[in-house]
Structure formats: C-alpha cells, structure tokens
Amino acid sequence: MITTKDKKRLSPSEFCLYECELLEGETLEGLILSSRQVDIFFVDHSNFPAWMRDEAFDHVCCHKSVSNGTINFLAPNEGSWFLIIENNGKESASLEITVNVSDQ
C-alpha cells in the first residue's frame, strides 16, 4: 500500500492534482478535509488535456461542493489517473489530504 498525506491552501479558482499510475482493479481510497467547499473528481489520461483546456471531458467519482470527501475509486483500467481537487468558491480553502493506493 502507498500512502500520501498532504496539506494545501487553494485560492479561489485554484486546483491541486495528484497523478496516480494504477493497474486495473487497484483501489485509491482517501479522505479530504477542507475549510471550504471544493469539487473532487478523477479523470484519466485521455480526458486530462481537455480538462486542462477547459473543454468538455469525462470524469468519474465526482463530489461537488463538499467540505469533507471520502474517496473510494476502483481503477476500471490500467493507466494514469488524476485526482483533482478544485476550489470553485470565492474564498481560500485549507485542505488536509490523505490518499492510499492498494491492490485488490
């Protein structure tokens, strides 16, 4: 199992991301605690460029406008997956992020 613990401060409209190389069937679990509401979602390597260009994209495991989010993501296929945490609010958000990756 791989564990990551992090603390971040996101200004309005700012985001942070974590790239994870996952095998099919691996699970990414975690907890995100925030002082403000944030959006939490995953995109795969093929949708990441569209998200970066602010174009239409597909995502999975979405939590919209949450201050506490539990993540339980089962990789449907092997490859790069991006965990994205976005502050779409009008005030800065302080985050505590814990992420664990384990195989089935």
C-alpha atoms as a PDB file:
ATOM      1  CA  MET A   1       0.000   0.000   0.000  1.00  0.00           C
ATOM      2  CA  ILE A   2       1.181   3.517  -0.834  1.00  0.00           C
ATOM      3  CA  THR A   3       0.078   6.372   1.445  1.00  0.00           C
ATOM      4  CA  THR A   4       0.285  10.117   0.783  1.00  0.00           C
ATOM      5  CA  LYS A   5      -0.540  12.812   3.333  1.00  0.00           C
ATOM      6  CA  ASP A   6      -0.535  16.442   2.306  1.00  0.00           C
ATOM      7  CA  LYS A   7      -1.704  19.892   3.376  1.00  0.00           C
ATOM      8  CA  LYS A   8      -2.565  22.560   0.815  1.00  0.00           C
ATOM      9  CA  ARG A   9      -4.099  26.002   0.623  1.00  0.00           C
ATOM     10  CA  LEU A  10      -6.123  26.708  -2.521  1.00  0.00           C
ATOM     11  CA  SER A  11      -7.050  30.221  -3.577  1.00  0.00           C
ATOM     12  CA  PRO A  12     -10.382  30.755  -5.349  1.00  0.00           C
ATOM     13  CA  SER A  13     -10.381  29.049  -8.781  1.00  0.00           C
ATOM     14  CA  GLU A  14      -7.163  27.183  -7.905  1.00  0.00           C
ATOM     15  CA  PHE A  15      -6.776  23.408  -8.027  1.00  0.00           C
ATOM     16  CA  CYS A  16      -4.354  20.713  -6.968  1.00  0.00           C
ATOM     17  CA  LEU A  17      -3.900  17.351  -8.602  1.00  0.00           C
ATOM     18  CA  TYR A  18      -2.298  14.024  -7.908  1.00  0.00           C
ATOM     19  CA  GLU A  19      -1.273  11.731 -10.735  1.00  0.00           C
ATOM     20  CA  CYS A  20      -1.581   8.041  -9.921  1.00  0.00           C
ATOM     21  CA  GLU A  21      -0.377   5.161 -12.051  1.00  0.00           C
ATOM     22  CA  LEU A  22      -2.945   2.462 -11.334  1.00  0.00           C
ATOM     23  CA  LEU A  23      -3.376  -1.087 -12.502  1.00  0.00           C
ATOM     24  CA  GLU A  24      -6.834  -2.364 -13.352  1.00  0.00           C
ATOM     25  CA  GLY A  25      -8.533  -3.285 -10.078  1.00  0.00           C
ATOM     26  CA  GLU A  26      -6.303  -1.205  -7.823  1.00  0.00           C
ATOM     27  CA  THR A  27      -8.140   0.958  -5.328  1.00  0.00           C
ATOM     28  CA  LEU A  28      -7.429   4.546  -4.384  1.00  0.00           C
ATOM     29  CA  GLU A  29      -9.021   5.434  -1.061  1.00  0.00           C
ATOM     30  CA  GLY A  30      -8.728   8.622   0.867  1.00  0.00           C
ATOM     31  CA  LEU A  31     -10.138  11.447   2.874  1.00  0.00           C
ATOM     32  CA  ILE A  32     -10.142  15.126   2.023  1.00  0.00           C
ATOM     33  CA  LEU A  33     -10.953  17.668   4.717  1.00  0.00           C
ATOM     34  CA  SER A  34     -11.423  21.269   3.643  1.00  0.00           C
ATOM     35  CA  SER A  35     -12.239  24.538   5.364  1.00  0.00           C
ATOM     36  CA  ARG A  36     -14.408  25.482   2.339  1.00  0.00           C
ATOM     37  CA  GLN A  37     -16.428  23.554  -0.208  1.00  0.00           C
ATOM     38  CA  VAL A  38     -14.399  22.014  -3.057  1.00  0.00           C
ATOM     39  CA  ASP A  39     -15.028  19.705  -6.025  1.00  0.00           C
ATOM     40  CA  ILE A  40     -13.266  16.320  -6.092  1.00  0.00           C
ATOM     41  CA  PHE A  41     -13.091  14.104  -9.185  1.00  0.00           C
ATOM     42  CA  PHE A  42     -10.928  11.787 -11.286  1.00  0.00           C
ATOM     43  CA  VAL A  43     -10.025  11.992 -14.967  1.00  0.00           C
ATOM     44  CA  ASP A  44      -7.996   9.514 -16.982  1.00  0.00           C
ATOM     45  CA  HIS A  45      -5.006  10.351 -19.181  1.00  0.00           C
ATOM     46  CA  SER A  46      -7.179  10.758 -22.290  1.00  0.00           C
ATOM     47  CA  ASN A  47      -9.530  13.312 -20.650  1.00  0.00           C
ATOM     48  CA  PHE A  48      -6.902  15.257 -18.724  1.00  0.00           C
ATOM     49  CA  PRO A  49      -5.829  17.506 -21.660  1.00  0.00           C
ATOM     50  CA  ALA A  50      -9.461  18.505 -22.335  1.00  0.00           C
ATOM     51  CA  TRP A  51      -9.945  19.381 -18.655  1.00  0.00           C
ATOM     52  CA  MET A  52      -6.764  21.494 -18.718  1.00  0.00           C
ATOM     53  CA  ARG A  53      -8.090  23.388 -21.787  1.00  0.00           C
ATOM     54  CA  ASP A  54     -11.458  23.928 -20.043  1.00  0.00           C
ATOM     55  CA  GLU A  55     -13.221  21.815 -22.685  1.00  0.00           C
ATOM     56  CA  ALA A  56     -15.821  19.083 -22.218  1.00  0.00           C
ATOM     57  CA  PHE A  57     -14.364  15.987 -20.546  1.00  0.00           C
ATOM     58  CA  ASP A  58     -15.481  12.758 -18.892  1.00  0.00           C
ATOM     59  CA  HIS A  59     -14.785  12.218 -15.213  1.00  0.00           C
ATOM     60  CA  VAL A  60     -15.624   9.673 -12.516  1.00  0.00           C
ATOM     61  CA  CYS A  61     -16.178   9.550  -8.761  1.00  0.00           C
ATOM     62  CA  CYS A  62     -17.284  13.150  -8.517  1.00  0.00           C
ATOM     63  CA  HIS A  63     -18.068  15.018  -5.294  1.00  0.00           C
ATOM     64  CA  LYS A  64     -19.394  18.543  -5.909  1.00  0.00           C
ATOM     65  CA  SER A  65     -19.275  21.301  -3.309  1.00  0.00           C
ATOM     66  CA  VAL A  66     -18.133  19.234  -0.324  1.00  0.00           C
ATOM     67  CA  SER A  67     -16.027  20.212   2.658  1.00  0.00           C
ATOM     68  CA  ASN A  68     -15.341  16.604   3.650  1.00  0.00           C
ATOM     69  CA  GLY A  69     -14.982  13.964   0.971  1.00  0.00           C
ATOM     70  CA  THR A  70     -14.316  10.251   1.188  1.00  0.00           C
ATOM     71  CA  ILE A  71     -12.725   8.717  -1.886  1.00  0.00           C
ATOM     72  CA  ASN A  72     -13.125   5.083  -2.886  1.00  0.00           C
ATOM     73  CA  PHE A  73     -12.035   4.758  -6.514  1.00  0.00           C
ATOM     74  CA  LEU A  74     -11.580   1.370  -8.218  1.00  0.00           C
ATOM     75  CA  ALA A  75      -9.481   1.747 -11.378  1.00  0.00           C
ATOM     76  CA  PRO A  76     -11.519   0.389 -14.307  1.00  0.00           C
ATOM     77  CA  ASN A  77      -8.367   0.045 -16.404  1.00  0.00           C
ATOM     78  CA  GLU A  78      -4.607   0.442 -16.181  1.00  0.00           C
ATOM     79  CA  GLY A  79      -3.067   3.840 -16.741  1.00  0.00           C
ATOM     80  CA  SER A  80      -2.628   7.339 -15.421  1.00  0.00           C
ATOM     81  CA  TRP A  81      -5.482   8.704 -13.333  1.00  0.00           C
ATOM     82  CA  PHE A  82      -5.605  12.248 -11.991  1.00  0.00           C
ATOM     83  CA  LEU A  83      -7.247  13.070  -8.679  1.00  0.00           C
ATOM     84  CA  ILE A  84      -8.296  16.719  -8.984  1.00  0.00           C
ATOM     85  CA  ILE A  85      -9.428  18.940  -6.135  1.00  0.00           C
ATOM     86  CA  GLU A  86     -10.817  22.284  -7.292  1.00  0.00           C
ATOM     87  CA  ASN A  87     -11.762  25.345  -5.256  1.00  0.00           C
ATOM     88  CA  ASN A  88     -14.644  26.954  -7.143  1.00  0.00           C
ATOM     89  CA  GLY A  89     -15.566  29.144  -4.194  1.00  0.00           C
ATOM     90  CA  LYS A  90     -14.880  32.809  -3.502  1.00  0.00           C
ATOM     91  CA  GLU A  91     -12.576  32.244  -0.502  1.00  0.00           C
ATOM     92  CA  SER A  92      -9.347  30.311   0.031  1.00  0.00           C
ATOM     93  CA  ALA A  93      -9.631  26.731   1.265  1.00  0.00           C
ATOM     94  CA  SER A  94      -7.230  24.887   3.576  1.00  0.00           C
ATOM     95  CA  LEU A  95      -7.038  21.176   2.779  1.00  0.00           C
ATOM     96  CA  GLU A  96      -5.818  18.050   4.532  1.00  0.00           C
ATOM     97  CA  ILE A  97      -5.476  15.177   2.084  1.00  0.00           C
ATOM     98  CA  THR A  98      -4.828  11.516   2.836  1.00  0.00           C
ATOM     99  CA  VAL A  99      -4.689   9.048  -0.062  1.00  0.00           C
ATOM    100  CA  ASN A 100      -3.953   5.303  -0.001  1.00  0.00           C
ATOM    101  CA  VAL A 101      -3.415   3.092  -3.048  1.00  0.00           C
ATOM    102  CA  SER A 102      -3.728  -0.675  -2.675  1.00  0.00           C
ATOM    103  CA  ASP A 103      -4.320  -3.664  -4.920  1.00  0.00           C
ATOM    104  CA  GLN A 104      -7.473  -5.773  -4.589  1.00  0.00           C
END
